[in-house]
Amino acid sequence: MTDGFTRAVSALDLHIDHEPAFWGWRGRTLSGPVTGAHGPGWLRVVCAARDKAYDRLWLGPESAQQELPSSVPRPSLRAIHDWGNGEYAYRAELYDRVAAQPVTTHGPVLLNDPDLSTAWWGGLAEALVGIAKAPTDRIAVRQEYLHRAMPQFLPLAPGTAFDATVPRWETAHGDLHWANLTAPQLLILDWEGWGQAPAGFDAAMLHTYSLLVPTATARIQEHLGGTLNTPEGRFAELAVITMLLQTNSRGDNLELAGALHLRANQLLGP
């Protein structure tokens, strides 16, 4: 990956400002600050086995740049460079560099109140409306997955039937957690997985990743409660909880496990 980063810098005629030290999930990506003809930038290199490349995740950032309205706050994607090396494929993406920092740098789970402004929250609510209305044939969450996973991972009483049919679909970022949001300037990062999802999915995901910080969930309810406190929003929240409980089964997000079960029981209760 470090060799790939160096190759991308050369191919795009860039200079490395600092050694790239920002690794993505399980080393799949490597990112860092660069400078080029257009000024400061941010270079992200992604790697995948050739037979797994050019899938939905691979093409997500490029399609987001092309298809989402400019009103959705995100770093602009300037250039793409693809190449292969044996059994692996690589893609370099050059973005505008922004001064704002991710709300969390330790991962997606919120551990402390970020104390964000009312204007920030208003901007997020407006951005989610813009995303939801964007037309796309991309899929972020599959109905087949929900039919299989929701009865398996939700804390349902034995013999309880659960209808996992999505009540309404809309476009979503698909991975809206705190490491993908910046402050004090609001920008939404990482558009790999955007596409159609249960209505309210983004608000539900942010709420779920905030369960350990009640002041933050209260703020989410204040600004996004109109989306969450509906039958569609509650379904979306259960869908997100399902996905995170599945990650618990693989040893991830374990700090959320108790809160996920508690919130699921609240939503499933009478």
C-alpha atoms as a PDB file:
ATOM      1  CA  MET A   1       0.000   0.000   0.000  1.00  0.00           C
ATOM      2  CA  THR A   2       2.822   2.427   0.755  1.00  0.00           C
ATOM      3  CA  ASP A   3       4.383   1.622  -2.629  1.00  0.00           C
ATOM      4  CA  GLY A   4       0.977   2.149  -4.210  1.00  0.00           C
ATOM      5  CA  PHE A   5       0.635   5.520  -2.528  1.00  0.00           C
ATOM      6  CA  THR A   6       4.036   6.568  -3.887  1.00  0.00           C
ATOM      7  CA  ARG A   7       3.079   5.379  -7.374  1.00  0.00           C
ATOM      8  CA  ALA A   8      -0.167   7.376  -7.263  1.00  0.00           C
ATOM      9  CA  VAL A   9       1.702  10.505  -6.167  1.00  0.00           C
ATOM     10  CA  SER A  10       3.968  10.187  -9.203  1.00  0.00           C
ATOM     11  CA  ALA A  11       1.151   9.380 -11.640  1.00  0.00           C
ATOM     12  CA  LEU A  12      -0.920  12.393 -10.533  1.00  0.00           C
ATOM     13  CA  ASP A  13       2.105  14.723 -10.354  1.00  0.00           C
ATOM     14  CA  LEU A  14       1.780  15.374  -6.627  1.00  0.00           C
ATOM     15  CA  HIS A  15       4.087  15.963  -3.697  1.00  0.00           C
ATOM     16  CA  ILE A  16       3.665  14.248  -0.327  1.00  0.00           C
ATOM     17  CA  ASP A  17       3.232  16.760   2.496  1.00  0.00           C
ATOM     18  CA  HIS A  18       3.474  14.203   5.302  1.00  0.00           C
ATOM     19  CA  GLU A  19       3.908  10.452   5.293  1.00  0.00           C
ATOM     20  CA  PRO A  20       0.489   8.822   4.726  1.00  0.00           C
ATOM     21  CA  ALA A  21      -0.610   7.433   8.070  1.00  0.00           C
ATOM     22  CA  PHE A  22      -4.381   7.248   7.819  1.00  0.00           C
ATOM     23  CA  TRP A  23      -5.336   3.623   7.361  1.00  0.00           C
ATOM     24  CA  GLY A  24      -8.859   2.535   6.524  1.00  0.00           C
ATOM     25  CA  TRP A  25     -10.749  -0.479   7.828  1.00  0.00           C
ATOM     26  CA  ARG A  26      -8.381  -3.470   8.035  1.00  0.00           C
ATOM     27  CA  GLY A  27      -5.786  -1.755   5.878  1.00  0.00           C
ATOM     28  CA  ARG A  28      -7.974  -1.582   2.777  1.00  0.00           C
ATOM     29  CA  THR A  29      -7.161   2.092   2.198  1.00  0.00           C
ATOM     30  CA  LEU A  30      -4.257   4.440   2.889  1.00  0.00           C
ATOM     31  CA  SER A  31      -4.630   8.219   2.823  1.00  0.00           C
ATOM     32  CA  GLY A  32      -2.592  11.336   3.415  1.00  0.00           C
ATOM     33  CA  PRO A  33      -2.077  15.016   2.562  1.00  0.00           C
ATOM     34  CA  VAL A  34      -0.489  15.988  -0.746  1.00  0.00           C
ATOM     35  CA  THR A  35       0.059  19.082  -2.862  1.00  0.00           C
ATOM     36  CA  GLY A  36      -0.311  19.456  -6.613  1.00  0.00           C
ATOM     37  CA  ALA A  37      -1.016  21.943  -9.351  1.00  0.00           C
ATOM     38  CA  HIS A  38      -4.401  22.769  -7.815  1.00  0.00           C
ATOM     39  CA  GLY A  39      -3.016  23.292  -4.334  1.00  0.00           C
ATOM     40  CA  PRO A  40      -3.461  21.198  -1.175  1.00  0.00           C
ATOM     41  CA  GLY A  41      -5.194  17.863  -1.673  1.00  0.00           C
ATOM     42  CA  TRP A  42      -5.974  14.604   0.057  1.00  0.00           C
ATOM     43  CA  LEU A  43      -4.933  11.354  -1.622  1.00  0.00           C
ATOM     44  CA  ARG A  44      -6.718   8.105  -0.860  1.00  0.00           C
ATOM     45  CA  VAL A  45      -5.493   4.794  -2.269  1.00  0.00           C
ATOM     46  CA  VAL A  46      -7.744   1.740  -2.155  1.00  0.00           C
ATOM     47  CA  CYS A  47      -6.726  -1.848  -2.915  1.00  0.00           C
ATOM     48  CA  ALA A  48      -8.789  -4.948  -3.645  1.00  0.00           C
ATOM     49  CA  ALA A  49      -8.349  -8.331  -5.239  1.00  0.00           C
ATOM     50  CA  ARG A  50      -8.907  -7.998  -8.972  1.00  0.00           C
ATOM     51  CA  ASP A  51     -12.077 -10.098  -8.870  1.00  0.00           C
ATOM     52  CA  LYS A  52     -13.504  -7.849  -6.110  1.00  0.00           C
ATOM     53  CA  ALA A  53     -12.545  -4.502  -7.640  1.00  0.00           C
ATOM     54  CA  TYR A  54     -14.904  -2.240  -9.586  1.00  0.00           C
ATOM     55  CA  ASP A  55     -17.855  -3.258  -7.442  1.00  0.00           C
ATOM     56  CA  ARG A  56     -20.375  -1.009  -5.655  1.00  0.00           C
ATOM     57  CA  LEU A  57     -17.892   0.147  -3.015  1.00  0.00           C
ATOM     58  CA  TRP A  58     -15.092   0.737  -5.511  1.00  0.00           C
ATOM     59  CA  LEU A  59     -17.242   2.979  -7.690  1.00  0.00           C
ATOM     60  CA  GLY A  60     -19.108   4.745  -4.887  1.00  0.00           C
ATOM     61  CA  PRO A  61     -16.997   7.909  -4.511  1.00  0.00           C
ATOM     62  CA  GLU A  62     -16.855   8.487  -8.264  1.00  0.00           C
ATOM     63  CA  SER A  63     -20.607   8.049  -8.692  1.00  0.00           C
ATOM     64  CA  ALA A  64     -21.298  10.301  -5.689  1.00  0.00           C
ATOM     65  CA  GLN A  65     -19.222  13.065  -7.271  1.00  0.00           C
ATOM     66  CA  GLN A  66     -21.162  12.723 -10.514  1.00  0.00           C
ATOM     67  CA  GLU A  67     -24.695  12.129  -9.257  1.00  0.00           C
ATOM     68  CA  LEU A  68     -25.238  13.849  -5.908  1.00  0.00           C
ATOM     69  CA  PRO A  69     -26.295  17.508  -5.785  1.00  0.00           C
ATOM     70  CA  SER A  70     -23.560  20.025  -5.028  1.00  0.00           C
ATOM     71  CA  SER A  71     -25.586  21.197  -2.021  1.00  0.00           C
ATOM     72  CA  VAL A  72     -24.563  18.024  -0.150  1.00  0.00           C
ATOM     73  CA  PRO A  73     -21.399  19.096   1.723  1.00  0.00           C
ATOM     74  CA  ARG A  74     -18.466  16.842   0.859  1.00  0.00           C
ATOM     75  CA  PRO A  75     -14.883  17.166  -0.381  1.00  0.00           C
ATOM     76  CA  SER A  76     -14.706  17.423  -4.155  1.00  0.00           C
ATOM     77  CA  LEU A  77     -13.135  14.483  -6.000  1.00  0.00           C
ATOM     78  CA  ARG A  78     -10.595  15.959  -8.428  1.00  0.00           C
ATOM     79  CA  ALA A  79      -8.957  12.974 -10.131  1.00  0.00           C
ATOM     80  CA  ILE A  80      -8.844   9.172 -10.272  1.00  0.00           C
ATOM     81  CA  HIS A  81      -5.992   6.910 -11.302  1.00  0.00           C
ATOM     82  CA  ASP A  82      -6.367   3.121 -11.676  1.00  0.00           C
ATOM     83  CA  TRP A  83      -3.742   0.423 -12.111  1.00  0.00           C
ATOM     84  CA  GLY A  84      -3.117  -3.244 -11.424  1.00  0.00           C
ATOM     85  CA  ASN A  85      -0.331  -5.255  -9.881  1.00  0.00           C
ATOM     86  CA  GLY A  86      -0.606  -9.011 -10.251  1.00  0.00           C
ATOM     87  CA  GLU A  87      -3.687 -10.262  -8.447  1.00  0.00           C
ATOM     88  CA  TYR A  88      -4.553  -6.840  -6.988  1.00  0.00           C
ATOM     89  CA  ALA A  89      -6.219  -3.719  -8.368  1.00  0.00           C
ATOM     90  CA  TYR A  90      -5.582  -0.206  -7.067  1.00  0.00           C
ATOM     91  CA  ARG A  91      -7.434   3.077  -7.301  1.00  0.00           C
ATOM     92  CA  ALA A  92      -6.108   6.479  -6.264  1.00  0.00           C
ATOM     93  CA  GLU A  93      -8.613   9.257  -5.542  1.00  0.00           C
ATOM     94  CA  LEU A  94      -7.468  12.863  -5.187  1.00  0.00           C
ATOM     95  CA  TYR A  95      -9.783  15.077  -3.141  1.00  0.00           C
ATOM     96  CA  ASP A  96      -9.809  18.675  -2.039  1.00  0.00           C
ATOM     97  CA  ARG A  97      -8.084  18.996   1.297  1.00  0.00           C
ATOM     98  CA  VAL A  98     -10.278  20.469   4.008  1.00  0.00           C
ATOM     99  CA  ALA A  99      -9.378  22.124   7.296  1.00  0.00           C
ATOM    100  CA  ALA A 100     -12.209  20.524   9.243  1.00  0.00           C
ATOM    101  CA  GLN A 101     -11.436  17.352  11.203  1.00  0.00           C
ATOM    102  CA  PRO A 102     -13.552  14.210  11.730  1.00  0.00           C
ATOM    103  CA  VAL A 103     -15.688  14.421  14.855  1.00  0.00           C
ATOM    104  CA  THR A 104     -14.083  11.188  16.062  1.00  0.00           C
ATOM    105  CA  THR A 105     -10.674   9.845  15.096  1.00  0.00           C
ATOM    106  CA  HIS A 106     -10.778   6.602  17.117  1.00  0.00           C
ATOM    107  CA  GLY A 107     -13.601   4.980  15.139  1.00  0.00           C
ATOM    108  CA  PRO A 108     -17.324   5.288  14.489  1.00  0.00           C
ATOM    109  CA  VAL A 109     -18.654   4.970  18.063  1.00  0.00           C
ATOM    110  CA  LEU A 110     -19.207   8.238  19.911  1.00  0.00           C
ATOM    111  CA  LEU A 111     -17.666   8.253  23.405  1.00  0.00           C
ATOM    112  CA  ASN A 112     -17.910  11.955  24.314  1.00  0.00           C
ATOM    113  CA  ASP A 113     -20.355  14.752  23.545  1.00  0.00           C
ATOM    114  CA  PRO A 114     -18.989  16.617  20.483  1.00  0.00           C
ATOM    115  CA  ASP A 115     -20.798  19.841  21.497  1.00  0.00           C
ATOM    116  CA  LEU A 116     -21.771  20.809  17.963  1.00  0.00           C
ATOM    117  CA  SER A 117     -23.517  24.046  17.062  1.00  0.00           C
ATOM    118  CA  THR A 118     -27.160  24.413  16.186  1.00  0.00           C
ATOM    119  CA  ALA A 119     -26.069  25.541  12.715  1.00  0.00           C
ATOM    120  CA  TRP A 120     -24.066  22.312  12.294  1.00  0.00           C
ATOM    121  CA  TRP A 121     -27.087  20.217  13.169  1.00  0.00           C
ATOM    122  CA  GLY A 122     -29.291  22.243  10.851  1.00  0.00           C
ATOM    123  CA  GLY A 123     -26.799  21.729   8.045  1.00  0.00           C
ATOM    124  CA  LEU A 124     -26.782  17.986   8.649  1.00  0.00           C
ATOM    125  CA  ALA A 125     -30.576  17.780   8.587  1.00  0.00           C
ATOM    126  CA  GLU A 126     -30.631  19.719   5.315  1.00  0.00           C
ATOM    127  CA  ALA A 127     -27.912  17.526   3.823  1.00  0.00           C
ATOM    128  CA  LEU A 128     -29.784  14.326   4.690  1.00  0.00           C
ATOM    129  CA  VAL A 129     -32.875  15.658   2.924  1.00  0.00           C
ATOM    130  CA  GLY A 130     -30.776  16.393  -0.163  1.00  0.00           C
ATOM    131  CA  ILE A 131     -29.248  12.912  -0.120  1.00  0.00           C
ATOM    132  CA  ALA A 132     -32.609  11.214   0.383  1.00  0.00           C
ATOM    133  CA  LYS A 133     -34.069  12.915  -2.685  1.00  0.00           C
ATOM    134  CA  ALA A 134     -31.156  12.065  -5.005  1.00  0.00           C
ATOM    135  CA  PRO A 135     -32.162   9.482  -7.634  1.00  0.00           C
ATOM    136  CA  THR A 136     -29.939   6.416  -7.943  1.00  0.00           C
ATOM    137  CA  ASP A 137     -30.072   2.750  -8.826  1.00  0.00           C
ATOM    138  CA  ARG A 138     -27.280   1.966  -6.364  1.00  0.00           C
ATOM    139  CA  ILE A 139     -28.188  -0.241  -3.404  1.00  0.00           C
ATOM    140  CA  ALA A 140     -26.769   0.421   0.062  1.00  0.00           C
ATOM    141  CA  VAL A 141     -28.880  -2.116   1.987  1.00  0.00           C
ATOM    142  CA  ARG A 142     -30.416  -5.168   0.382  1.00  0.00           C
ATOM    143  CA  GLN A 143     -33.882  -6.424   1.209  1.00  0.00           C
ATOM    144  CA  GLU A 144     -32.631  -9.996   1.022  1.00  0.00           C
ATOM    145  CA  TYR A 145     -30.094  -9.259   3.751  1.00  0.00           C
ATOM    146  CA  LEU A 146     -32.734  -7.762   6.065  1.00  0.00           C
ATOM    147  CA  HIS A 147     -35.082 -10.730   5.585  1.00  0.00           C
ATOM    148  CA  ARG A 148     -32.265 -13.019   6.646  1.00  0.00           C
ATOM    149  CA  ALA A 149     -30.484 -10.985   9.312  1.00  0.00           C
ATOM    150  CA  MET A 150     -33.184  -9.145  11.253  1.00  0.00           C
ATOM    151  CA  PRO A 151     -34.881 -12.280  12.625  1.00  0.00           C
ATOM    152  CA  GLN A 152     -31.451 -13.757  13.308  1.00  0.00           C
ATOM    153  CA  PHE A 153     -29.810 -10.915  15.239  1.00  0.00           C
ATOM    154  CA  LEU A 154     -32.625  -8.902  16.816  1.00  0.00           C
ATOM    155  CA  PRO A 155     -33.527  -9.935  20.402  1.00  0.00           C
ATOM    156  CA  LEU A 156     -36.914 -11.361  19.491  1.00  0.00           C
ATOM    157  CA  ALA A 157     -38.843 -13.563  21.882  1.00  0.00           C
ATOM    158  CA  PRO A 158     -38.919 -17.221  20.802  1.00  0.00           C
ATOM    159  CA  GLY A 159     -41.625 -17.822  18.249  1.00  0.00           C
ATOM    160  CA  THR A 160     -42.069 -14.108  17.516  1.00  0.00           C
ATOM    161  CA  ALA A 161     -42.726 -13.308  13.867  1.00  0.00           C
ATOM    162  CA  PHE A 162     -40.988 -10.250  12.475  1.00  0.00           C
ATOM    163  CA  ASP A 163     -41.771  -8.594   9.150  1.00  0.00           C
ATOM    164  CA  ALA A 164     -38.453  -7.388   7.732  1.00  0.00           C
ATOM    165  CA  THR A 165     -40.009  -5.843   4.609  1.00  0.00           C
ATOM    166  CA  VAL A 166     -38.711  -2.298   4.156  1.00  0.00           C
ATOM    167  CA  PRO A 167     -41.696   0.067   4.414  1.00  0.00           C
ATOM    168  CA  ARG A 168     -40.123   2.789   2.262  1.00  0.00           C
ATOM    169  CA  TRP A 169     -36.848   3.245   0.400  1.00  0.00           C
ATOM    170  CA  GLU A 170     -34.787   6.392  -0.128  1.00  0.00           C
ATOM    171  CA  THR A 171     -31.200   7.305  -0.948  1.00  0.00           C
ATOM    172  CA  ALA A 172     -28.730   7.225   1.954  1.00  0.00           C
ATOM    173  CA  HIS A 173     -25.052   7.804   2.590  1.00  0.00           C
ATOM    174  CA  GLY A 174     -25.128   4.309   4.079  1.00  0.00           C
ATOM    175  CA  ASP A 175     -22.294   4.695   6.612  1.00  0.00           C
ATOM    176  CA  LEU A 176     -23.136   7.893   8.485  1.00  0.00           C
ATOM    177  CA  HIS A 177     -21.101   7.638  11.658  1.00  0.00           C
ATOM    178  CA  TRP A 178     -18.994  10.158  13.552  1.00  0.00           C
ATOM    179  CA  ALA A 179     -15.693   9.396  11.842  1.00  0.00           C
ATOM    180  CA  ASN A 180     -17.362  10.278   8.521  1.00  0.00           C
ATOM    181  CA  LEU A 181     -18.566  13.713   9.690  1.00  0.00           C
ATOM    182  CA  THR A 182     -16.353  16.759  10.176  1.00  0.00           C
ATOM    183  CA  ALA A 183     -16.620  19.799  12.431  1.00  0.00           C
ATOM    184  CA  PRO A 184     -16.801  22.710  12.945  1.00  0.00           C
ATOM    185  CA  GLN A 185     -17.400  22.825   9.189  1.00  0.00           C
ATOM    186  CA  LEU A 186     -19.841  20.095   8.238  1.00  0.00           C
ATOM    187  CA  LEU A 187     -18.583  17.756   5.538  1.00  0.00           C
ATOM    188  CA  ILE A 188     -19.682  14.185   4.892  1.00  0.00           C
ATOM    189  CA  LEU A 189     -16.821  11.822   4.060  1.00  0.00           C
ATOM    190  CA  ASP A 190     -16.480   8.323   2.568  1.00  0.00           C
ATOM    191  CA  TRP A 191     -19.094   7.776  -0.127  1.00  0.00           C
ATOM    192  CA  GLU A 192     -18.201   4.183  -0.955  1.00  0.00           C
ATOM    193  CA  GLY A 193     -21.482   2.622   0.110  1.00  0.00           C
ATOM    194  CA  TRP A 194     -24.157   5.179  -0.741  1.00  0.00           C
ATOM    195  CA  GLY A 195     -27.399   4.072  -2.359  1.00  0.00           C
ATOM    196  CA  GLN A 196     -30.943   2.988  -1.611  1.00  0.00           C
ATOM    197  CA  ALA A 197     -31.705   2.062   2.015  1.00  0.00           C
ATOM    198  CA  PRO A 198     -34.672   2.032   4.384  1.00  0.00           C
ATOM    199  CA  ALA A 199     -36.031   5.569   4.805  1.00  0.00           C
ATOM    200  CA  GLY A 200     -34.325   7.273   7.732  1.00  0.00           C
ATOM    201  CA  PHE A 201     -31.308   4.967   7.617  1.00  0.00           C
ATOM    202  CA  ASP A 202     -28.664   7.699   7.955  1.00  0.00           C
ATOM    203  CA  ALA A 203     -30.319   9.352  10.957  1.00  0.00           C
ATOM    204  CA  ALA A 204     -30.828   5.917  12.501  1.00  0.00           C
ATOM    205  CA  MET A 205     -27.183   4.983  12.070  1.00  0.00           C
ATOM    206  CA  LEU A 206     -25.935   8.208  13.641  1.00  0.00           C
ATOM    207  CA  HIS A 207     -28.325   7.736  16.559  1.00  0.00           C
ATOM    208  CA  THR A 208     -27.232   4.145  17.078  1.00  0.00           C
ATOM    209  CA  TYR A 209     -23.522   4.990  17.091  1.00  0.00           C
ATOM    210  CA  SER A 210     -24.329   7.637  19.747  1.00  0.00           C
ATOM    211  CA  LEU A 211     -26.104   5.394  22.265  1.00  0.00           C
ATOM    212  CA  LEU A 212     -23.286   5.660  24.819  1.00  0.00           C
ATOM    213  CA  VAL A 213     -23.653   9.456  24.996  1.00  0.00           C
ATOM    214  CA  PRO A 214     -27.213  10.414  26.043  1.00  0.00           C
ATOM    215  CA  THR A 215     -26.653  14.136  25.449  1.00  0.00           C
ATOM    216  CA  ALA A 216     -25.780  13.370  21.835  1.00  0.00           C
ATOM    217  CA  THR A 217     -28.804  11.131  21.275  1.00  0.00           C
ATOM    218  CA  ALA A 218     -30.934  13.917  22.747  1.00  0.00           C
ATOM    219  CA  ARG A 219     -29.508  16.344  20.189  1.00  0.00           C
ATOM    220  CA  ILE A 220     -30.152  13.868  17.396  1.00  0.00           C
ATOM    221  CA  GLN A 221     -33.725  13.496  18.573  1.00  0.00           C
ATOM    222  CA  GLU A 222     -34.036  17.276  18.680  1.00  0.00           C
ATOM    223  CA  HIS A 223     -32.853  17.796  15.116  1.00  0.00           C
ATOM    224  CA  LEU A 224     -33.621  14.495  13.370  1.00  0.00           C
ATOM    225  CA  GLY A 225     -36.487  13.198  15.482  1.00  0.00           C
ATOM    226  CA  GLY A 226     -38.988  13.960  12.748  1.00  0.00           C
ATOM    227  CA  THR A 227     -37.304  11.230  10.741  1.00  0.00           C
ATOM    228  CA  LEU A 228     -36.595   8.796  13.570  1.00  0.00           C
ATOM    229  CA  ASN A 229     -39.917   8.944  15.407  1.00  0.00           C
ATOM    230  CA  THR A 230     -41.993   7.433  12.620  1.00  0.00           C
ATOM    231  CA  PRO A 231     -42.743   3.798  11.749  1.00  0.00           C
ATOM    232  CA  GLU A 232     -40.206   4.038   8.907  1.00  0.00           C
ATOM    233  CA  GLY A 233     -37.586   5.589  11.187  1.00  0.00           C
ATOM    234  CA  ARG A 234     -38.043   2.930  13.854  1.00  0.00           C
ATOM    235  CA  PHE A 235     -37.691   0.212  11.221  1.00  0.00           C
ATOM    236  CA  ALA A 236     -34.500   1.852   9.945  1.00  0.00           C
ATOM    237  CA  GLU A 237     -33.126   1.938  13.476  1.00  0.00           C
ATOM    238  CA  LEU A 238     -33.824  -1.765  13.921  1.00  0.00           C
ATOM    239  CA  ALA A 239     -32.087  -2.425  10.597  1.00  0.00           C
ATOM    240  CA  VAL A 240     -28.984  -0.538  11.787  1.00  0.00           C
ATOM    241  CA  ILE A 241     -29.057  -2.331  15.143  1.00  0.00           C
ATOM    242  CA  THR A 242     -29.224  -5.635  13.277  1.00  0.00           C
ATOM    243  CA  MET A 243     -26.122  -4.755  11.292  1.00  0.00           C
ATOM    244  CA  LEU A 244     -24.170  -3.684  14.377  1.00  0.00           C
ATOM    245  CA  LEU A 245     -25.244  -6.749  16.369  1.00  0.00           C
ATOM    246  CA  GLN A 246     -23.878  -8.810  13.502  1.00  0.00           C
ATOM    247  CA  THR A 247     -20.576  -6.936  13.804  1.00  0.00           C
ATOM    248  CA  ASN A 248     -20.629  -7.801  17.539  1.00  0.00           C
ATOM    249  CA  SER A 249     -20.724 -11.458  16.549  1.00  0.00           C
ATOM    250  CA  ARG A 250     -17.436 -10.880  14.686  1.00  0.00           C
ATOM    251  CA  GLY A 251     -15.829  -9.097  17.627  1.00  0.00           C
ATOM    252  CA  ASP A 252     -16.369  -5.499  16.444  1.00  0.00           C
ATOM    253  CA  ASN A 253     -18.154  -2.594  18.184  1.00  0.00           C
ATOM    254  CA  LEU A 254     -18.358  -4.608  21.398  1.00  0.00           C
ATOM    255  CA  GLU A 255     -18.636  -1.466  23.523  1.00  0.00           C
ATOM    256  CA  LEU A 256     -22.094  -0.953  21.992  1.00  0.00           C
ATOM    257  CA  ALA A 257     -23.437  -4.470  22.592  1.00  0.00           C
ATOM    258  CA  GLY A 258     -25.408  -3.767  25.768  1.00  0.00           C
ATOM    259  CA  ALA A 259     -26.841  -0.505  24.458  1.00  0.00           C
ATOM    260  CA  LEU A 260     -27.855  -2.159  21.193  1.00  0.00           C
ATOM    261  CA  HIS A 261     -29.882  -4.829  22.984  1.00  0.00           C
ATOM    262  CA  LEU A 262     -31.490  -2.258  25.266  1.00  0.00           C
ATOM    263  CA  ARG A 263     -32.472   0.011  22.378  1.00  0.00           C
ATOM    264  CA  ALA A 264     -33.749  -2.897  20.287  1.00  0.00           C
ATOM    265  CA  ASN A 265     -35.983  -4.027  23.156  1.00  0.00           C
ATOM    266  CA  GLN A 266     -37.318  -0.482  23.491  1.00  0.00           C
ATOM    267  CA  LEU A 267     -38.190  -0.355  19.798  1.00  0.00           C
ATOM    268  CA  LEU A 268     -39.661  -3.855  19.728  1.00  0.00           C
ATOM    269  CA  GLY A 269     -41.687  -3.387  22.902  1.00  0.00           C
ATOM    270  CA  PRO A 270     -45.393  -2.676  23.061  1.00  0.00           C
END
